[in-house]
Every structure is written in C-alpha cells, then in structure tokens.
Amino acid sequence: MLTLVGKPGCHLCDEARVIVAQVCAETATDWEEVSVLDELALFDLYWEKIPVVLIAGVVHDYWRVDPDRLRAALSR
C-alpha cells in the first residue's frame, strides 16, 4: 500500500498525485492520500517535507516524486 501525504493547495502535492496515480495504475498498486491538516501526527512528522510518499509505512520520497524510482520500488 502506498500513501501520499500532502495538503490541499500544495502545487508539489498536485504534481505528486498525478505521478503516483499513473505509476500505481501501471503497477496495480493500491494507494491512498491523506492530508497533514487532518492528522496531527502526520503534520508533526512531515509538514516541512510534503508531499511525502510512504510505501508500506516507510518514507520513499518527499518534495519531488521521481516516477522511475517509484516504479522500481513498487516492482520489487
């Protein structure tokens, strides 16, 4: 399971969402999006790094999401 951590109105989050949706569709990976504004624990951890991509709860990437790197990680 992949989780995209972001917030509304974040242009980097908007870019990351497009990449995550595309790569997850290609790799048949389930994903969800959560906002740091809705979960205080996530805000405390990641507010300076959004968007953050978590794979199985582990940080994979933040700020910019590289589609090739993400694809490789999900293919393992």
PDB file of N, CA and C in Angstrom:
ATOM      1  N   MET A   1       0.851  -1.184   0.000  1.00  0.00           N
ATOM      2  CA  MET A   1       0.000   0.000   0.000  1.00  0.00           C
ATOM      3  C   MET A   1       0.888   1.236   0.000  1.00  0.00           C
ATOM      4  N   LEU A   2       0.551   2.176  -0.854  1.00  0.00           N
ATOM      5  CA  LEU A   2       1.264   3.437  -0.944  1.00  0.00           C
ATOM      6  C   LEU A   2       0.378   4.529  -0.364  1.00  0.00           C
ATOM      7  N   THR A   3       0.991   5.431   0.387  1.00  0.00           N
ATOM      8  CA  THR A   3       0.275   6.573   0.944  1.00  0.00           C
ATOM      9  C   THR A   3       0.961   7.848   0.491  1.00  0.00           C
ATOM     10  N   LEU A   4       0.183   8.757  -0.048  1.00  0.00           N
ATOM     11  CA  LEU A   4       0.665  10.080  -0.408  1.00  0.00           C
ATOM     12  C   LEU A   4       0.207  11.043   0.677  1.00  0.00           C
ATOM     13  N   VAL A   5       1.158  11.663   1.348  1.00  0.00           N
ATOM     14  CA  VAL A   5       0.866  12.624   2.414  1.00  0.00           C
ATOM     15  C   VAL A   5       1.057  14.026   1.831  1.00  0.00           C
ATOM     16  N   GLY A   6       0.032  14.836   1.921  1.00  0.00           N
ATOM     17  CA  GLY A   6       0.114  16.191   1.383  1.00  0.00           C
ATOM     18  C   GLY A   6      -0.865  17.095   2.079  1.00  0.00           C
ATOM     19  N   LYS A   7      -1.282  18.136   1.356  1.00  0.00           N
ATOM     20  CA  LYS A   7      -2.322  19.034   1.860  1.00  0.00           C
ATOM     21  C   LYS A   7      -2.950  19.759   0.683  1.00  0.00           C
ATOM     22  N   PRO A   8      -4.176  20.214   0.852  1.00  0.00           N
ATOM     23  CA  PRO A   8      -4.847  20.958  -0.214  1.00  0.00           C
ATOM     24  C   PRO A   8      -4.084  22.239  -0.536  1.00  0.00           C
ATOM     25  N   GLY A   9      -4.084  22.606  -1.823  1.00  0.00           N
ATOM     26  CA  GLY A   9      -3.459  23.851  -2.228  1.00  0.00           C
ATOM     27  C   GLY A   9      -1.959  23.791  -2.398  1.00  0.00           C
ATOM     28  N   CYS A  10      -1.374  22.621  -2.309  1.00  0.00           N
ATOM     29  CA  CYS A  10       0.067  22.436  -2.446  1.00  0.00           C
ATOM     30  C   CYS A  10       0.373  22.032  -3.885  1.00  0.00           C
ATOM     31  N   HIS A  11       1.086  22.884  -4.620  1.00  0.00           N
ATOM     32  CA  HIS A  11       1.336  22.574  -6.030  1.00  0.00           C
ATOM     33  C   HIS A  11       2.238  21.351  -6.200  1.00  0.00           C
ATOM     34  N   LEU A  12       3.180  21.136  -5.286  1.00  0.00           N
ATOM     35  CA  LEU A  12       4.014  19.926  -5.366  1.00  0.00           C
ATOM     36  C   LEU A  12       3.176  18.679  -5.103  1.00  0.00           C
ATOM     37  N   CYS A  13       2.193  18.792  -4.215  1.00  0.00           N
ATOM     38  CA  CYS A  13       1.297  17.665  -3.938  1.00  0.00           C
ATOM     39  C   CYS A  13       0.460  17.340  -5.170  1.00  0.00           C
ATOM     40  N   ASP A  14       0.015  18.375  -5.878  1.00  0.00           N
ATOM     41  CA  ASP A  14      -0.756  18.166  -7.105  1.00  0.00           C
ATOM     42  C   ASP A  14       0.083  17.421  -8.143  1.00  0.00           C
ATOM     43  N   GLU A  15       1.344  17.808  -8.287  1.00  0.00           N
ATOM     44  CA  GLU A  15       2.238  17.135  -9.231  1.00  0.00           C
ATOM     45  C   GLU A  15       2.486  15.686  -8.800  1.00  0.00           C
ATOM     46  N   ALA A  16       2.719  15.492  -7.511  1.00  0.00           N
ATOM     47  CA  ALA A  16       2.982  14.151  -6.988  1.00  0.00           C
ATOM     48  C   ALA A  16       1.778  13.239  -7.189  1.00  0.00           C
ATOM     49  N   ARG A  17       0.583  13.773  -6.991  1.00  0.00           N
ATOM     50  CA  ARG A  17      -0.650  12.977  -7.132  1.00  0.00           C
ATOM     51  C   ARG A  17      -0.774  12.398  -8.538  1.00  0.00           C
ATOM     52  N   VAL A  18      -0.449  13.195  -9.541  1.00  0.00           N
ATOM     53  CA  VAL A  18      -0.521  12.727 -10.930  1.00  0.00           C
ATOM     54  C   VAL A  18       0.460  11.586 -11.152  1.00  0.00           C
ATOM     55  N   ILE A  19       1.684  11.737 -10.663  1.00  0.00           N
ATOM     56  CA  ILE A  19       2.712  10.702 -10.829  1.00  0.00           C
ATOM     57  C   ILE A  19       2.326   9.437 -10.077  1.00  0.00           C
ATOM     58  N   VAL A  20       1.901   9.596  -8.832  1.00  0.00           N
ATOM     59  CA  VAL A  20       1.520   8.438  -8.011  1.00  0.00           C
ATOM     60  C   VAL A  20       0.358   7.693  -8.661  1.00  0.00           C
ATOM     61  N   ALA A  21      -0.656   8.418  -9.110  1.00  0.00           N
ATOM     62  CA  ALA A  21      -1.809   7.763  -9.739  1.00  0.00           C
ATOM     63  C   ALA A  21      -1.391   6.982 -10.977  1.00  0.00           C
ATOM     64  N   GLN A  22      -0.541   7.571 -11.791  1.00  0.00           N
ATOM     65  CA  GLN A  22      -0.099   6.913 -13.014  1.00  0.00           C
ATOM     66  C   GLN A  22       0.727   5.666 -12.715  1.00  0.00           C
ATOM     67  N   VAL A  23       1.718   5.799 -11.849  1.00  0.00           N
ATOM     68  CA  VAL A  23       2.603   4.664 -11.549  1.00  0.00           C
ATOM     69  C   VAL A  23       1.842   3.567 -10.820  1.00  0.00           C
ATOM     70  N   CYS A  24       0.959   3.929  -9.917  1.00  0.00           N
ATOM     71  CA  CYS A  24       0.180   2.908  -9.203  1.00  0.00           C
ATOM     72  C   CYS A  24      -0.762   2.179 -10.153  1.00  0.00           C
ATOM     73  N   ALA A  25      -1.308   2.864 -11.128  1.00  0.00           N
ATOM     74  CA  ALA A  25      -2.152   2.204 -12.128  1.00  0.00           C
ATOM     75  C   ALA A  25      -1.329   1.220 -12.954  1.00  0.00           C
ATOM     76  N   GLU A  26      -0.124   1.621 -13.328  1.00  0.00           N
ATOM     77  CA  GLU A  26       0.752   0.749 -14.114  1.00  0.00           C
ATOM     78  C   GLU A  26       1.181  -0.500 -13.346  1.00  0.00           C
ATOM     79  N   THR A  27       1.380  -0.348 -12.044  1.00  0.00           N
ATOM     80  CA  THR A  27       1.904  -1.452 -11.230  1.00  0.00           C
ATOM     81  C   THR A  27       0.819  -2.156 -10.413  1.00  0.00           C
ATOM     82  N   ALA A  28      -0.433  -1.787 -10.638  1.00  0.00           N
ATOM     83  CA  ALA A  28      -1.564  -2.365  -9.905  1.00  0.00           C
ATOM     84  C   ALA A  28      -1.369  -2.262  -8.394  1.00  0.00           C
ATOM     85  N   THR A  29      -0.939  -1.078  -7.947  1.00  0.00           N
ATOM     86  CA  THR A  29      -0.690  -0.821  -6.534  1.00  0.00           C
ATOM     87  C   THR A  29      -1.822   0.032  -5.967  1.00  0.00           C
ATOM     88  N   ASP A  30      -2.363  -0.394  -4.831  1.00  0.00           N
ATOM     89  CA  ASP A  30      -3.377   0.408  -4.151  1.00  0.00           C
ATOM     90  C   ASP A  30      -2.702   1.594  -3.489  1.00  0.00           C
ATOM     91  N   TRP A  31      -3.389   2.733  -3.500  1.00  0.00           N
ATOM     92  CA  TRP A  31      -2.836   3.899  -2.834  1.00  0.00           C
ATOM     93  C   TRP A  31      -3.943   4.739  -2.224  1.00  0.00           C
ATOM     94  N   GLU A  32      -3.535   5.569  -1.291  1.00  0.00           N
ATOM     95  CA  GLU A  32      -4.455   6.482  -0.626  1.00  0.00           C
ATOM     96  C   GLU A  32      -3.749   7.823  -0.452  1.00  0.00           C
ATOM     97  N   GLU A  33      -4.536   8.840  -0.249  1.00  0.00           N
ATOM     98  CA  GLU A  33      -3.979  10.160   0.014  1.00  0.00           C
ATOM     99  C   GLU A  33      -4.514  10.655   1.343  1.00  0.00           C
ATOM    100  N   VAL A  34      -3.629  11.184   2.165  1.00  0.00           N
ATOM    101  CA  VAL A  34      -4.026  11.763   3.447  1.00  0.00           C
ATOM    102  C   VAL A  34      -3.450  13.170   3.546  1.00  0.00           C
ATOM    103  N   SER A  35      -4.126  14.011   4.292  1.00  0.00           N
ATOM    104  CA  SER A  35      -3.700  15.395   4.462  1.00  0.00           C
ATOM    105  C   SER A  35      -3.077  15.594   5.835  1.00  0.00           C
ATOM    106  N   VAL A  36      -1.989  16.345   5.869  1.00  0.00           N
ATOM    107  CA  VAL A  36      -1.374  16.674   7.157  1.00  0.00           C
ATOM    108  C   VAL A  36      -2.294  17.568   7.985  1.00  0.00           C
ATOM    109  N   LEU A  37      -3.263  18.190   7.342  1.00  0.00           N
ATOM    110  CA  LEU A  37      -4.198  19.038   8.063  1.00  0.00           C
ATOM    111  C   LEU A  37      -5.245  18.226   8.813  1.00  0.00           C
ATOM    112  N   ASP A  38      -5.420  16.967   8.422  1.00  0.00           N
ATOM    113  CA  ASP A  38      -6.409  16.104   9.067  1.00  0.00           C
ATOM    114  C   ASP A  38      -5.818  15.204  10.143  1.00  0.00           C
ATOM    115  N   GLU A  39      -4.508  15.024  10.114  1.00  0.00           N
ATOM    116  CA  GLU A  39      -3.865  14.117  11.074  1.00  0.00           C
ATOM    117  C   GLU A  39      -2.666  14.820  11.709  1.00  0.00           C
ATOM    118  N   LEU A  40      -2.826  15.209  12.962  1.00  0.00           N
ATOM    119  CA  LEU A  40      -1.810  15.975  13.672  1.00  0.00           C
ATOM    120  C   LEU A  40      -0.463  15.254  13.724  1.00  0.00           C
ATOM    121  N   ALA A  41      -0.477  13.936  13.897  1.00  0.00           N
ATOM    122  CA  ALA A  41       0.787  13.182  13.956  1.00  0.00           C
ATOM    123  C   ALA A  41       1.554  13.303  12.645  1.00  0.00           C
ATOM    124  N   LEU A  42       0.847  13.247  11.527  1.00  0.00           N
ATOM    125  CA  LEU A  42       1.494  13.403  10.225  1.00  0.00           C
ATOM    126  C   LEU A  42       1.994  14.829  10.040  1.00  0.00           C
ATOM    127  N   PHE A  43       1.235  15.790  10.507  1.00  0.00           N
ATOM    128  CA  PHE A  43       1.666  17.184  10.426  1.00  0.00           C
ATOM    129  C   PHE A  43       2.987  17.367  11.153  1.00  0.00           C
ATOM    130  N   ASP A  44       3.077  16.855  12.367  1.00  0.00           N
ATOM    131  CA  ASP A  44       4.302  16.983  13.165  1.00  0.00           C
ATOM    132  C   ASP A  44       5.496  16.338  12.471  1.00  0.00           C
ATOM    133  N   LEU A  45       5.278  15.223  11.806  1.00  0.00           N
ATOM    134  CA  LEU A  45       6.366  14.498  11.152  1.00  0.00           C
ATOM    135  C   LEU A  45       6.772  15.098   9.811  1.00  0.00           C
ATOM    136  N   TYR A  46       5.801  15.533   9.026  1.00  0.00           N
ATOM    137  CA  TYR A  46       6.079  15.786   7.613  1.00  0.00           C
ATOM    138  C   TYR A  46       5.754  17.186   7.093  1.00  0.00           C
ATOM    139  N   TRP A  47       5.292  18.118   7.897  1.00  0.00           N
ATOM    140  CA  TRP A  47       4.800  19.380   7.357  1.00  0.00           C
ATOM    141  C   TRP A  47       5.826  20.124   6.506  1.00  0.00           C
ATOM    142  N   GLU A  48       7.113  19.959   6.788  1.00  0.00           N
ATOM    143  CA  GLU A  48       8.150  20.639   6.005  1.00  0.00           C
ATOM    144  C   GLU A  48       8.551  19.867   4.752  1.00  0.00           C
ATOM    145  N   LYS A  49       8.082  18.628   4.606  1.00  0.00           N
ATOM    146  CA  LYS A  49       8.551  17.765   3.523  1.00  0.00           C
ATOM    147  C   LYS A  49       7.483  17.397   2.507  1.00  0.00           C
ATOM    148  N   ILE A  50       6.256  17.841   2.677  1.00  0.00           N
ATOM    149  CA  ILE A  50       5.199  17.402   1.770  1.00  0.00           C
ATOM    150  C   ILE A  50       5.459  17.852   0.351  1.00  0.00           C
ATOM    151  N   PRO A  51       5.049  17.041  -0.584  1.00  0.00           N
ATOM    152  CA  PRO A  51       4.405  15.738  -0.439  1.00  0.00           C
ATOM    153  C   PRO A  51       5.407  14.658  -0.032  1.00  0.00           C
ATOM    154  N   VAL A  52       4.907  13.705   0.724  1.00  0.00           N
ATOM    155  CA  VAL A  52       5.706  12.564   1.159  1.00  0.00           C
ATOM    156  C   VAL A  52       5.031  11.302   0.642  1.00  0.00           C
ATOM    157  N   VAL A  53       5.825  10.403   0.074  1.00  0.00           N
ATOM    158  CA  VAL A  53       5.315   9.112  -0.382  1.00  0.00           C
ATOM    159  C   VAL A  53       5.803   8.049   0.589  1.00  0.00           C
ATOM    160  N   LEU A  54       4.861   7.313   1.155  1.00  0.00           N
ATOM    161  CA  LEU A  54       5.170   6.195   2.051  1.00  0.00           C
ATOM    162  C   LEU A  54       4.809   4.903   1.337  1.00  0.00           C
ATOM    163  N   ILE A  55       5.704   3.947   1.385  1.00  0.00           N
ATOM    164  CA  ILE A  55       5.411   2.615   0.860  1.00  0.00           C
ATOM    165  C   ILE A  55       5.461   1.673   2.045  1.00  0.00           C
ATOM    166  N   ALA A  56       4.332   1.047   2.326  1.00  0.00           N
ATOM    167  CA  ALA A  56       4.189   0.167   3.488  1.00  0.00           C
ATOM    168  C   ALA A  56       4.614   0.897   4.761  1.00  0.00           C
ATOM    169  N   GLY A  57       4.273   2.193   4.840  1.00  0.00           N
ATOM    170  CA  GLY A  57       4.543   2.971   6.040  1.00  0.00           C
ATOM    171  C   GLY A  57       5.950   3.539   6.153  1.00  0.00           C
ATOM    172  N   VAL A  58       6.797   3.273   5.173  1.00  0.00           N
ATOM    173  CA  VAL A  58       8.186   3.738   5.196  1.00  0.00           C
ATOM    174  C   VAL A  58       8.351   4.847   4.159  1.00  0.00           C
ATOM    175  N   VAL A  59       9.046   5.919   4.547  1.00  0.00           N
ATOM    176  CA  VAL A  59       9.249   7.035   3.621  1.00  0.00           C
ATOM    177  C   VAL A  59      10.047   6.566   2.412  1.00  0.00           C
ATOM    178  N   HIS A  60       9.471   6.804   1.249  1.00  0.00           N
ATOM    179  CA  HIS A  60      10.138   6.500  -0.012  1.00  0.00           C
ATOM    180  C   HIS A  60      10.732   7.771  -0.613  1.00  0.00           C
ATOM    181  N   ASP A  61       9.972   8.850  -0.610  1.00  0.00           N
ATOM    182  CA  ASP A  61      10.390  10.094  -1.251  1.00  0.00           C
ATOM    183  C   ASP A  61       9.634  11.251  -0.628  1.00  0.00           C
ATOM    184  N   TYR A  62      10.176  12.464  -0.813  1.00  0.00           N
ATOM    185  CA  TYR A  62       9.451  13.666  -0.421  1.00  0.00           C
ATOM    186  C   TYR A  62       9.845  14.807  -1.337  1.00  0.00           C
ATOM    187  N   TRP A  63       9.045  15.860  -1.317  1.00  0.00           N
ATOM    188  CA  TRP A  63       9.116  17.045  -2.179  1.00  0.00           C
ATOM    189  C   TRP A  63       8.848  16.720  -3.641  1.00  0.00           C
ATOM    190  N   ARG A  64       9.742  16.026  -4.303  1.00  0.00           N
ATOM    191  CA  ARG A  64       9.563  15.673  -5.716  1.00  0.00           C
ATOM    192  C   ARG A  64       9.532  14.146  -5.837  1.00  0.00           C
ATOM    193  N   VAL A  65       8.589  13.637  -6.609  1.00  0.00           N
ATOM    194  CA  VAL A  65       8.455  12.194  -6.788  1.00  0.00           C
ATOM    195  C   VAL A  65       8.985  11.835  -8.170  1.00  0.00           C
ATOM    196  N   ASP A  66       9.981  10.976  -8.209  1.00  0.00           N
ATOM    197  CA  ASP A  66      10.549  10.515  -9.472  1.00  0.00           C
ATOM    198  C   ASP A  66       9.786   9.275  -9.924  1.00  0.00           C
ATOM    199  N   PRO A  67       9.128   9.324 -11.074  1.00  0.00           N
ATOM    200  CA  PRO A  67       8.303   8.181 -11.492  1.00  0.00           C
ATOM    201  C   PRO A  67       9.106   6.902 -11.716  1.00  0.00           C
ATOM    202  N   ASP A  68      10.310   7.000 -12.252  1.00  0.00           N
ATOM    203  CA  ASP A  68      11.116   5.797 -12.479  1.00  0.00           C
ATOM    204  C   ASP A  68      11.540   5.165 -11.161  1.00  0.00           C
ATOM    205  N   ARG A  69      11.934   5.991 -10.217  1.00  0.00           N
ATOM    206  CA  ARG A  69      12.337   5.473  -8.896  1.00  0.00           C
ATOM    207  C   ARG A  69      11.146   4.843  -8.178  1.00  0.00           C
ATOM    208  N   LEU A  70       9.992   5.479  -8.283  1.00  0.00           N
ATOM    209  CA  LEU A  70       8.786   4.934  -7.660  1.00  0.00           C
ATOM    210  C   LEU A  70       8.394   3.615  -8.314  1.00  0.00           C
ATOM    211  N   ARG A  71       8.409   3.587  -9.617  1.00  0.00           N
ATOM    212  CA  ARG A  71       8.070   2.360 -10.362  1.00  0.00           C
ATOM    213  C   ARG A  71       8.991   1.210  -9.941  1.00  0.00           C
ATOM    214  N   ALA A  72      10.282   1.484  -9.834  1.00  0.00           N
ATOM    215  CA  ALA A  72      11.250   0.454  -9.423  1.00  0.00           C
ATOM    216  C   ALA A  72      10.965  -0.037  -8.006  1.00  0.00           C
ATOM    217  N   ALA A  73      10.649   0.865  -7.120  1.00  0.00           N
ATOM    218  CA  ALA A  73      10.365   0.475  -5.727  1.00  0.00           C
ATOM    219  C   ALA A  73       9.109  -0.372  -5.638  1.00  0.00           C
ATOM    220  N   LEU A  74       8.106  -0.052  -6.428  1.00  0.00           N
ATOM    221  CA  LEU A  74       6.859  -0.815  -6.386  1.00  0.00           C
ATOM    222  C   LEU A  74       6.959  -2.152  -7.116  1.00  0.00           C
ATOM    223  N   SER A  75       7.941  -2.283  -7.961  1.00  0.00           N
ATOM    224  CA  SER A  75       8.135  -3.536  -8.707  1.00  0.00           C
ATOM    225  C   SER A  75       8.937  -4.579  -7.930  1.00  0.00           C
ATOM    226  N   ARG A  76       9.523  -4.157  -6.838  1.00  0.00           N
ATOM    227  CA  ARG A  76      10.325  -5.095  -6.033  1.00  0.00           C
ATOM    228  C   ARG A  76       9.472  -6.067  -5.289  1.00  0.00           C
TER     229      ARG A  76
END
